[in-house]
Amino acid sequence: MTINSSKQQDGVNKSSRSSYSNLPALDVSLAFPQATPATSIFPPCTSDYYNFDDLLTSEEQVIRKKVRECVEKELAPIVAEYWEKAEFPFQVIPKLGALNIAAGTIKGYGCPGLSITGAAVALAEIARVDVSCSSFILVHSSLAMLTIAQYGSEEQKQKYLPSMAQLKTIASWALTEPDYGSDASALRTTATKVEGGWILEGQKRWVGNSTFADLLVILARNTTTNQINAFIVKKHAPGLTATNIENKIGLRIIQNGDVLLKNVFVPDEDRVPGFKSFQDTITTLSISRLMVAWQSIGIAMGVYDMCHRYLMERKQFGAPLAVFQITQQKLAQMLGNIQAMILAGWRVCKLYEDGKMTAGHASLAKAWITSRARETVALGRELLGGNGISTDFHVAKAFCDLEPIYTYEGSYEINNLIAAREITGFASFKPAVSTQQSRL
């Protein structure tokens, strides 16, 4: 075939191509019959080696089982396709809503009032199959709903929480800005008091669910007090736009958006009255960081489950890959990581239930568990060889999806510094300003 210039390539004569150049891809079960793809049958759970179920209450066990069955049936066959297209599978929202887990630990107002452990294992089970869909729940429940439940007025709770608990109203939560990520307390979006309400001006970035959310909880700086407040902004509000961030290599299914607020009016009734400073942000983030740690546990479990089945099915040199020492060593290392991650996550849940969890506890859990998950998923990618870069076998998708998980809700470094501040009493987030004059 003659190679054309770059300007000619898009319009190359089809007659010069091979007769099979435009054929659809071969079905993976025919292209690679030796191992079962995750899109066909999701692998059974073999990663709970220390019988974590024994540490759960009967209610928590039921939650874990029903969520696992639902997502393996409803999500597993379709998520690779939606991940490739970078589109959200809206048809699964009613099915997730029917699980009655969306409101997590919130009590009353039609919410299930789960234990923190029950909410955590539910999120982990979704993440085991697809972490984007678990992030959809995380943003909606552990950030937006929790802000309203903890700091909202009684009228706001009655108005918003029941439909949000059923996923009939979808929410987003906006803190990060283009210029302020880790340094979020310095955010620039402003809220200025006017007659009957507030005017919001600013820009947010990486806002999950924002392009299709019915309401957005926006964090903005009160221009009178200079403190961070929270506001409920409805979709279609004049001056509000949310556009999808494209070209991501991870979390491709969840719709992260750039949110612009230009002279957006928010009535007084939609200011969240109990949210008075950035300290309230820290309280909310501590809970969500614990949930992110459990997302990472779920991702690692799904990768291990896929690798375990793959190594038993795939044969080279006349034997299953599972018989070779190097594959066994990697598999055992992955399994050990997962058991430690589960037990660390469970312990922090218990600290929360006892009223003893601190921001440092949650941050250390998020940082350490995501780092162990990162190592585990990388080993899994190695074990699958060439199929480790194919989304049909799950691991490649999980490998890419874990990268943003490692960074969001506070980067690995920032979360370690939060824990270190708590144990030393010294904050080291900002560079020290030298008081000594230069000898030059």
Protein backbone atom coordinates (compact mmCIF):
# COMPACT_ATOMS: atom_id res chain seq x y z
CA MET A 1 0.00 0.00 0.00
CA THR A 2 1.37 3.40 -0.97
CA ILE A 3 1.99 5.74 1.96
CA ASN A 4 0.37 9.13 1.40
CA SER A 5 1.35 12.46 2.89
CA SER A 6 -0.29 13.42 6.20
CA LYS A 7 -2.69 15.69 4.34
CA GLN A 8 -3.79 12.84 2.07
CA GLN A 9 -4.07 10.06 4.62
CA ASP A 10 -7.58 10.88 5.87
CA GLY A 11 -8.95 10.70 2.36
CA VAL A 12 -6.97 7.70 1.13
CA ASN A 13 -8.71 5.72 -1.61
CA LYS A 14 -10.56 2.82 0.04
CA SER A 15 -9.76 0.61 -2.96
CA SER A 16 -6.09 0.65 -1.98
CA ARG A 17 -6.86 -0.90 1.42
CA SER A 18 -7.14 -4.59 2.12
CA SER A 19 -10.58 -6.16 1.82
CA TYR A 20 -10.65 -6.79 5.58
CA SER A 21 -9.38 -3.43 6.82
CA ASN A 22 -12.84 -2.26 7.92
CA LEU A 23 -14.12 -5.49 9.43
CA PRO A 24 -15.33 -5.30 13.05
CA ALA A 25 -13.03 -6.57 15.78
CA LEU A 26 -13.07 -10.29 16.41
CA ASP A 27 -15.09 -11.22 19.47
CA VAL A 28 -12.65 -11.64 22.35
CA SER A 29 -13.96 -15.12 23.18
CA LEU A 30 -12.90 -16.18 19.66
CA ALA A 31 -9.75 -14.10 19.54
CA PHE A 32 -8.54 -15.43 22.89
CA PRO A 33 -10.47 -18.56 23.88
CA GLN A 34 -8.04 -19.66 26.60
CA ALA A 35 -9.27 -17.28 29.32
CA THR A 36 -12.67 -15.87 30.27
CA PRO A 37 -13.03 -12.10 29.82
CA ALA A 38 -14.57 -10.03 32.62
CA THR A 39 -17.12 -8.69 30.16
CA SER A 40 -18.45 -12.22 29.71
CA ILE A 41 -18.47 -13.48 33.29
CA PHE A 42 -16.96 -11.44 36.10
CA PRO A 43 -14.60 -13.60 38.17
CA PRO A 44 -15.77 -14.96 41.53
CA CYS A 45 -14.37 -13.29 44.64
CA THR A 46 -11.25 -15.14 45.77
CA SER A 47 -9.52 -12.15 47.36
CA ASP A 48 -11.16 -12.31 50.81
CA TYR A 49 -8.52 -14.71 52.13
CA TYR A 50 -8.92 -13.82 55.82
CA ASN A 51 -12.74 -14.14 55.73
CA PHE A 52 -13.59 -10.49 56.25
CA ASP A 53 -17.27 -11.45 56.36
CA ASP A 54 -16.66 -12.80 59.87
CA LEU A 55 -15.97 -9.24 61.06
CA LEU A 56 -19.20 -7.89 59.56
CA THR A 57 -22.62 -7.78 61.14
CA SER A 58 -25.37 -9.81 59.48
CA GLU A 59 -26.78 -6.56 58.04
CA GLU A 60 -23.40 -5.61 56.59
CA GLN A 61 -23.01 -9.09 55.09
CA VAL A 62 -26.41 -8.76 53.39
CA ILE A 63 -25.44 -5.35 51.98
CA ARG A 64 -22.18 -6.73 50.63
CA LYS A 65 -23.86 -9.70 49.01
CA LYS A 66 -26.70 -7.79 47.33
CA VAL A 67 -24.40 -5.07 45.98
CA ARG A 68 -21.95 -7.66 44.62
CA GLU A 69 -24.71 -9.58 42.87
CA CYS A 70 -26.18 -6.43 41.35
CA VAL A 71 -22.99 -4.94 39.96
CA GLU A 72 -21.67 -8.25 38.63
CA LYS A 73 -24.94 -8.67 36.73
CA GLU A 74 -25.70 -5.10 35.68
CA LEU A 75 -22.31 -3.36 35.40
CA ALA A 76 -19.69 -5.96 34.52
CA PRO A 77 -20.99 -6.74 30.99
CA ILE A 78 -21.16 -3.08 29.90
CA VAL A 79 -18.53 -1.00 31.70
CA ALA A 80 -15.65 -1.73 29.33
CA GLU A 81 -17.73 -0.42 26.42
CA TYR A 82 -18.72 2.73 28.30
CA TRP A 83 -15.16 3.23 29.51
CA GLU A 84 -13.93 3.16 25.89
CA LYS A 85 -16.61 5.67 24.88
CA ALA A 86 -16.05 7.81 28.00
CA GLU A 87 -19.80 7.85 28.58
CA PHE A 88 -21.88 7.25 31.68
CA PRO A 89 -24.38 4.32 31.66
CA PHE A 90 -27.42 6.23 32.90
CA GLN A 91 -29.58 3.10 32.66
CA VAL A 92 -27.89 1.67 35.77
CA ILE A 93 -28.88 4.56 38.05
CA PRO A 94 -32.33 3.12 38.93
CA LYS A 95 -30.69 -0.24 39.69
CA LEU A 96 -28.15 1.38 41.98
CA GLY A 97 -30.93 3.41 43.58
CA ALA A 98 -32.90 0.23 44.30
CA LEU A 99 -29.99 -1.05 46.42
CA ASN A 100 -30.81 1.68 48.99
CA ILE A 101 -27.17 2.48 49.69
CA ALA A 102 -26.87 5.94 48.12
CA ALA A 103 -27.30 7.91 51.33
CA GLY A 104 -24.78 5.83 53.26
CA THR A 105 -24.77 6.58 56.99
CA ILE A 106 -27.39 9.36 56.89
CA LYS A 107 -30.41 8.58 59.09
CA GLY A 108 -33.97 9.69 58.48
CA TYR A 109 -35.37 11.52 55.45
CA GLY A 110 -35.74 8.23 53.56
CA CYS A 111 -32.04 7.40 54.02
CA PRO A 112 -30.90 3.90 55.06
CA GLY A 113 -28.72 4.90 58.01
CA LEU A 114 -26.07 2.28 57.27
CA SER A 115 -23.10 1.74 59.53
CA ILE A 116 -19.92 3.33 58.21
CA THR A 117 -18.62 -0.20 57.59
CA GLY A 118 -21.77 -1.10 55.64
CA ALA A 119 -21.43 2.02 53.50
CA ALA A 120 -17.74 1.27 52.96
CA VAL A 121 -18.17 -2.34 51.85
CA ALA A 122 -21.02 -1.31 49.54
CA LEU A 123 -18.77 1.22 47.83
CA ALA A 124 -15.93 -1.31 47.66
CA GLU A 125 -18.16 -3.88 45.97
CA ILE A 126 -19.12 -1.37 43.27
CA ALA A 127 -15.47 -0.38 42.81
CA ARG A 128 -14.50 -4.04 42.49
CA VAL A 129 -16.37 -4.05 39.17
CA ASP A 130 -16.16 -0.37 38.20
CA VAL A 131 -14.69 2.46 40.23
CA SER A 132 -16.27 5.22 38.11
CA CYS A 133 -19.74 4.12 39.18
CA SER A 134 -18.56 3.96 42.79
CA SER A 135 -17.20 7.51 42.39
CA PHE A 136 -20.61 8.57 41.11
CA ILE A 137 -22.07 7.30 44.41
CA LEU A 138 -19.21 8.75 46.47
CA VAL A 139 -19.61 12.30 45.16
CA HIS A 140 -23.39 12.14 45.42
CA SER A 141 -23.54 10.59 48.91
CA SER A 142 -20.36 11.20 50.89
CA LEU A 143 -19.88 14.76 49.70
CA ALA A 144 -23.09 16.44 48.47
CA MET A 145 -25.68 14.57 50.57
CA LEU A 146 -23.48 14.53 53.65
CA THR A 147 -22.94 18.29 53.43
CA ILE A 148 -26.69 18.87 53.42
CA ALA A 149 -27.30 16.27 56.15
CA GLN A 150 -24.60 17.65 58.46
CA TYR A 151 -24.91 21.38 57.84
CA GLY A 152 -28.23 21.99 56.07
CA SER A 153 -31.40 23.46 57.51
CA GLU A 154 -34.31 21.20 58.39
CA GLU A 155 -36.15 22.53 55.36
CA GLN A 156 -33.22 21.66 53.07
CA LYS A 157 -32.97 18.14 54.49
CA GLN A 158 -36.67 17.49 53.97
CA LYS A 159 -36.63 19.05 50.51
CA TYR A 160 -33.57 17.35 49.04
CA LEU A 161 -32.49 14.22 50.92
CA PRO A 162 -35.45 11.85 50.23
CA SER A 163 -35.17 12.06 46.43
CA MET A 164 -31.38 12.05 46.58
CA ALA A 165 -31.45 8.86 48.64
CA GLN A 166 -33.36 7.16 45.81
CA LEU A 167 -31.05 8.62 43.15
CA LYS A 168 -34.01 10.42 41.66
CA THR A 169 -32.16 13.68 42.26
CA ILE A 170 -28.47 13.56 41.39
CA ALA A 171 -25.96 15.82 43.10
CA SER A 172 -22.44 17.10 42.65
CA TRP A 173 -19.98 18.81 44.99
CA ALA A 174 -17.49 21.46 43.91
CA LEU A 175 -14.38 22.45 45.85
CA THR A 176 -11.35 22.21 43.51
CA GLU A 177 -10.50 25.14 41.24
CA PRO A 178 -8.07 25.50 38.33
CA ASP A 179 -5.60 27.42 40.51
CA TYR A 180 -6.32 25.66 43.81
CA GLY A 181 -6.13 21.90 44.15
CA SER A 182 -4.12 20.82 47.19
CA ASP A 183 -4.25 24.44 48.38
CA ALA A 184 -8.04 24.31 48.40
CA SER A 185 -8.49 26.59 51.41
CA ALA A 186 -7.29 29.48 49.24
CA LEU A 187 -10.14 29.06 46.74
CA ARG A 188 -11.24 32.19 44.86
CA THR A 189 -14.88 31.52 43.95
CA THR A 190 -16.86 34.21 45.76
CA ALA A 191 -20.31 34.54 47.28
CA THR A 192 -21.51 38.11 47.66
CA LYS A 193 -24.64 38.94 49.69
CA VAL A 194 -27.40 40.73 47.81
CA GLU A 195 -31.06 41.29 48.54
CA GLY A 196 -32.81 37.92 48.87
CA GLY A 197 -29.75 35.80 48.25
CA TRP A 198 -26.18 35.55 47.04
CA ILE A 199 -24.24 36.08 43.82
CA LEU A 200 -21.65 33.38 43.01
CA GLU A 201 -18.69 34.13 40.76
CA GLY A 202 -15.86 31.77 39.92
CA GLN A 203 -14.69 28.55 38.34
CA LYS A 204 -14.43 24.94 39.53
CA ARG A 205 -12.64 21.96 37.97
CA TRP A 206 -12.72 18.16 38.24
CA VAL A 207 -16.29 18.24 39.52
CA GLY A 208 -17.75 14.73 39.38
CA ASN A 209 -21.34 14.31 38.11
CA SER A 210 -21.49 18.03 37.32
CA THR A 211 -22.56 17.79 33.68
CA PHE A 212 -25.79 15.96 34.50
CA ALA A 213 -26.40 16.73 38.19
CA ASP A 214 -29.75 18.18 39.23
CA LEU A 215 -28.02 20.25 41.87
CA LEU A 216 -24.46 21.24 42.72
CA VAL A 217 -23.15 22.00 46.19
CA ILE A 218 -20.70 24.84 45.53
CA LEU A 219 -18.09 25.94 48.06
CA ALA A 220 -17.37 29.64 47.83
CA ARG A 221 -15.73 32.41 49.85
CA ASN A 222 -18.13 34.73 51.63
CA THR A 223 -16.91 38.21 50.68
CA THR A 224 -18.16 39.65 53.98
CA THR A 225 -16.61 37.15 56.43
CA ASN A 226 -13.86 35.76 54.15
CA GLN A 227 -14.92 32.26 55.28
CA ILE A 228 -15.84 29.28 53.09
CA ASN A 229 -19.59 28.66 52.82
CA ALA A 230 -21.67 26.09 50.91
CA PHE A 231 -24.47 26.84 48.46
CA ILE A 232 -26.97 24.63 46.64
CA VAL A 233 -27.13 25.60 42.97
CA LYS A 234 -29.81 24.08 40.72
CA LYS A 235 -29.11 22.96 37.18
CA HIS A 236 -30.16 25.47 34.53
CA ALA A 237 -29.48 28.35 36.93
CA PRO A 238 -28.72 31.42 34.79
CA GLY A 239 -24.96 31.91 34.56
CA LEU A 240 -24.12 28.28 35.42
CA THR A 241 -22.38 26.05 32.88
CA ALA A 242 -20.73 22.64 33.28
CA THR A 243 -18.73 21.05 30.48
CA ASN A 244 -17.14 17.61 30.44
CA ILE A 245 -13.37 17.25 30.80
CA GLU A 246 -12.15 15.11 27.92
CA ASN A 247 -9.05 13.04 27.11
CA LYS A 248 -8.74 11.36 30.51
CA ILE A 249 -6.87 8.05 30.87
CA GLY A 250 -8.71 7.09 34.06
CA LEU A 251 -12.22 7.32 35.49
CA ARG A 252 -13.39 7.74 31.93
CA ILE A 253 -16.97 6.78 32.76
CA ILE A 254 -17.62 9.39 35.44
CA GLN A 255 -18.29 12.83 34.02
CA ASN A 256 -15.83 15.28 35.58
CA GLY A 257 -16.63 18.81 34.62
CA ASP A 258 -15.36 22.36 34.41
CA VAL A 259 -17.98 24.48 36.18
CA LEU A 260 -18.29 28.19 35.43
CA LEU A 261 -20.33 30.51 37.65
CA LYS A 262 -21.01 33.91 36.16
CA ASN A 263 -23.28 36.14 38.22
CA VAL A 264 -25.23 33.08 39.47
CA PHE A 265 -28.00 34.03 41.90
CA VAL A 266 -28.64 31.65 44.80
CA PRO A 267 -31.63 32.41 47.04
CA ASP A 268 -31.09 32.63 50.80
CA GLU A 269 -32.98 29.38 51.29
CA ASP A 270 -30.25 27.52 49.34
CA ARG A 271 -27.30 28.68 51.39
CA VAL A 272 -26.29 25.78 53.66
CA PRO A 273 -26.50 27.60 57.00
CA GLY A 274 -24.33 25.34 59.16
CA PHE A 275 -21.37 25.34 56.77
CA LYS A 276 -19.38 28.26 58.13
CA SER A 277 -15.68 27.68 57.45
CA PHE A 278 -13.08 25.52 55.75
CA GLN A 279 -13.00 23.38 58.89
CA ASP A 280 -16.41 22.05 57.86
CA THR A 281 -14.84 21.03 54.54
CA ILE A 282 -12.19 19.05 56.42
CA THR A 283 -14.85 17.21 58.42
CA THR A 284 -16.68 16.20 55.23
CA LEU A 285 -13.47 15.24 53.44
CA SER A 286 -12.34 13.02 56.30
CA ILE A 287 -15.35 10.78 55.80
CA SER A 288 -15.03 10.80 52.02
CA ARG A 289 -11.31 9.96 52.26
CA LEU A 290 -12.15 6.86 54.26
CA MET A 291 -14.62 5.93 51.53
CA VAL A 292 -11.93 6.47 48.87
CA ALA A 293 -9.69 4.08 50.78
CA TRP A 294 -12.44 1.47 50.47
CA GLN A 295 -12.79 2.19 46.77
CA SER A 296 -9.12 1.27 46.45
CA ILE A 297 -9.72 -1.94 48.37
CA GLY A 298 -12.49 -2.82 45.94
CA ILE A 299 -10.31 -2.08 42.91
CA ALA A 300 -7.51 -4.28 44.23
CA MET A 301 -9.93 -7.11 45.00
CA GLY A 302 -11.37 -7.05 41.49
CA VAL A 303 -7.90 -7.12 39.94
CA TYR A 304 -6.79 -10.02 42.12
CA ASP A 305 -9.98 -11.96 41.35
CA MET A 306 -9.40 -11.50 37.63
CA CYS A 307 -5.73 -12.49 37.88
CA HIS A 308 -6.47 -15.59 39.94
CA ARG A 309 -8.92 -16.92 37.38
CA TYR A 310 -6.72 -15.92 34.45
CA LEU A 311 -3.66 -17.71 35.82
CA MET A 312 -5.68 -20.87 36.35
CA GLU A 313 -7.03 -20.79 32.78
CA ARG A 314 -4.17 -19.44 30.70
CA LYS A 315 -1.54 -22.01 29.68
CA GLN A 316 2.03 -21.56 28.48
CA PHE A 317 4.84 -24.10 28.22
CA GLY A 318 2.26 -26.83 28.58
CA ALA A 319 0.95 -25.75 32.00
CA PRO A 320 -1.34 -23.13 33.60
CA LEU A 321 0.46 -19.93 34.48
CA ALA A 322 -0.56 -20.52 38.08
CA VAL A 323 2.02 -23.33 38.49
CA PHE A 324 5.07 -21.08 38.01
CA GLN A 325 6.92 -19.67 41.02
CA ILE A 326 7.13 -16.08 39.78
CA THR A 327 3.39 -15.84 39.14
CA GLN A 328 2.61 -17.44 42.49
CA GLN A 329 4.89 -14.98 44.29
CA LYS A 330 3.19 -11.99 42.67
CA LEU A 331 -0.26 -13.39 43.36
CA ALA A 332 0.58 -13.98 47.03
CA GLN A 333 2.03 -10.47 47.32
CA MET A 334 -1.18 -9.02 45.90
CA LEU A 335 -3.28 -11.10 48.28
CA GLY A 336 -1.23 -10.04 51.29
CA ASN A 337 -1.62 -6.39 50.36
CA ILE A 338 -5.38 -6.77 50.10
CA GLN A 339 -5.75 -8.42 53.51
CA ALA A 340 -3.75 -5.63 55.14
CA MET A 341 -5.75 -2.98 53.27
CA ILE A 342 -9.06 -4.50 54.36
CA LEU A 343 -8.04 -4.73 58.00
CA ALA A 344 -6.67 -1.18 58.07
CA GLY A 345 -9.84 0.16 56.45
CA TRP A 346 -12.03 -1.82 58.84
CA ARG A 347 -10.14 -0.50 61.88
CA VAL A 348 -10.63 3.11 60.83
CA CYS A 349 -14.34 2.40 60.34
CA LYS A 350 -14.47 1.17 63.91
CA LEU A 351 -12.68 4.30 65.11
CA TYR A 352 -15.35 6.35 63.34
CA GLU A 353 -18.17 4.34 64.90
CA ASP A 354 -16.62 4.90 68.34
CA GLY A 355 -16.33 8.64 67.72
CA LYS A 356 -12.53 8.46 67.76
CA MET A 357 -11.60 8.89 64.08
CA THR A 358 -9.53 11.98 63.36
CA ALA A 359 -8.67 13.70 60.10
CA GLY A 360 -5.21 12.16 60.40
CA HIS A 361 -6.63 8.65 60.75
CA ALA A 362 -8.69 9.07 57.58
CA SER A 363 -5.89 10.70 55.62
CA LEU A 364 -3.31 8.07 56.54
CA ALA A 365 -5.77 5.33 55.57
CA LYS A 366 -6.44 6.99 52.23
CA ALA A 367 -2.76 7.53 51.47
CA TRP A 368 -1.47 4.12 52.56
CA ILE A 369 -4.31 2.01 51.18
CA THR A 370 -4.26 3.71 47.77
CA SER A 371 -0.49 3.24 47.56
CA ARG A 372 -0.80 -0.48 48.34
CA ALA A 373 -3.62 -0.74 45.83
CA ARG A 374 -1.41 0.92 43.23
CA GLU A 375 1.29 -1.70 43.79
CA THR A 376 -1.27 -4.52 43.71
CA VAL A 377 -2.87 -3.39 40.46
CA ALA A 378 0.54 -2.92 38.81
CA LEU A 379 1.44 -6.51 39.70
CA GLY A 380 -1.86 -7.64 38.23
CA ARG A 381 -1.13 -5.84 34.99
CA GLU A 382 2.17 -7.69 34.77
CA LEU A 383 0.54 -11.06 35.41
CA LEU A 384 -1.86 -10.69 32.48
CA GLY A 385 0.89 -9.97 29.96
CA GLY A 386 -0.54 -8.66 26.70
CA ASN A 387 -4.09 -9.00 27.98
CA GLY A 388 -3.09 -6.66 30.80
CA ILE A 389 -3.65 -3.75 28.41
CA SER A 390 -7.08 -4.94 27.22
CA THR A 391 -10.18 -3.67 28.99
CA ASP A 392 -11.92 -6.96 28.16
CA PHE A 393 -9.93 -8.53 31.00
CA HIS A 394 -10.68 -5.74 33.48
CA VAL A 395 -7.17 -5.19 34.84
CA ALA A 396 -6.14 -2.54 32.28
CA LYS A 397 -9.20 -0.45 33.06
CA ALA A 398 -8.64 -0.80 36.80
CA PHE A 399 -4.95 0.07 36.35
CA CYS A 400 -5.85 3.35 34.67
CA ASP A 401 -8.75 4.10 36.99
CA LEU A 402 -6.63 3.77 40.12
CA GLU A 403 -4.34 6.64 39.09
CA PRO A 404 -6.93 9.38 39.72
CA ILE A 405 -8.10 7.57 42.87
CA TYR A 406 -4.52 7.77 44.16
CA THR A 407 -4.64 11.55 43.66
CA TYR A 408 -8.20 12.74 44.28
CA GLU A 409 -9.66 13.60 47.70
CA GLY A 410 -6.16 14.79 48.57
CA SER A 411 -3.00 13.53 46.94
CA TYR A 412 -0.80 10.86 48.54
CA GLU A 413 1.60 13.55 49.72
CA ILE A 414 -1.03 15.91 51.14
CA ASN A 415 -2.77 13.13 53.06
CA ASN A 416 0.53 12.00 54.56
CA LEU A 417 1.23 15.59 55.63
CA ILE A 418 -2.20 15.81 57.29
CA ALA A 419 -1.39 12.72 59.34
CA ALA A 420 2.13 13.99 60.04
CA ARG A 421 0.78 17.33 61.29
CA GLU A 422 -1.44 15.45 63.70
CA ILE A 423 1.38 13.32 65.13
CA THR A 424 4.05 16.05 65.30
CA GLY A 425 2.02 19.18 65.91
CA PHE A 426 3.75 20.95 63.02
CA ALA A 427 2.12 21.87 59.71
CA SER A 428 4.45 21.65 56.71
CA PHE A 429 2.12 22.31 53.78
CA LYS A 430 3.54 25.70 52.82
CA PRO A 431 7.17 26.62 52.23
CA ALA A 432 8.84 28.26 55.21
CA VAL A 433 9.51 31.95 54.80
CA SER A 434 13.08 32.79 55.71
CA THR A 435 13.53 35.66 58.14
CA GLN A 436 17.29 35.82 57.61
CA GLN A 437 18.78 38.36 55.26
CA SER A 438 21.00 37.05 52.53
CA ARG A 439 24.69 37.66 53.16
CA LEU A 440 24.90 38.68 49.52
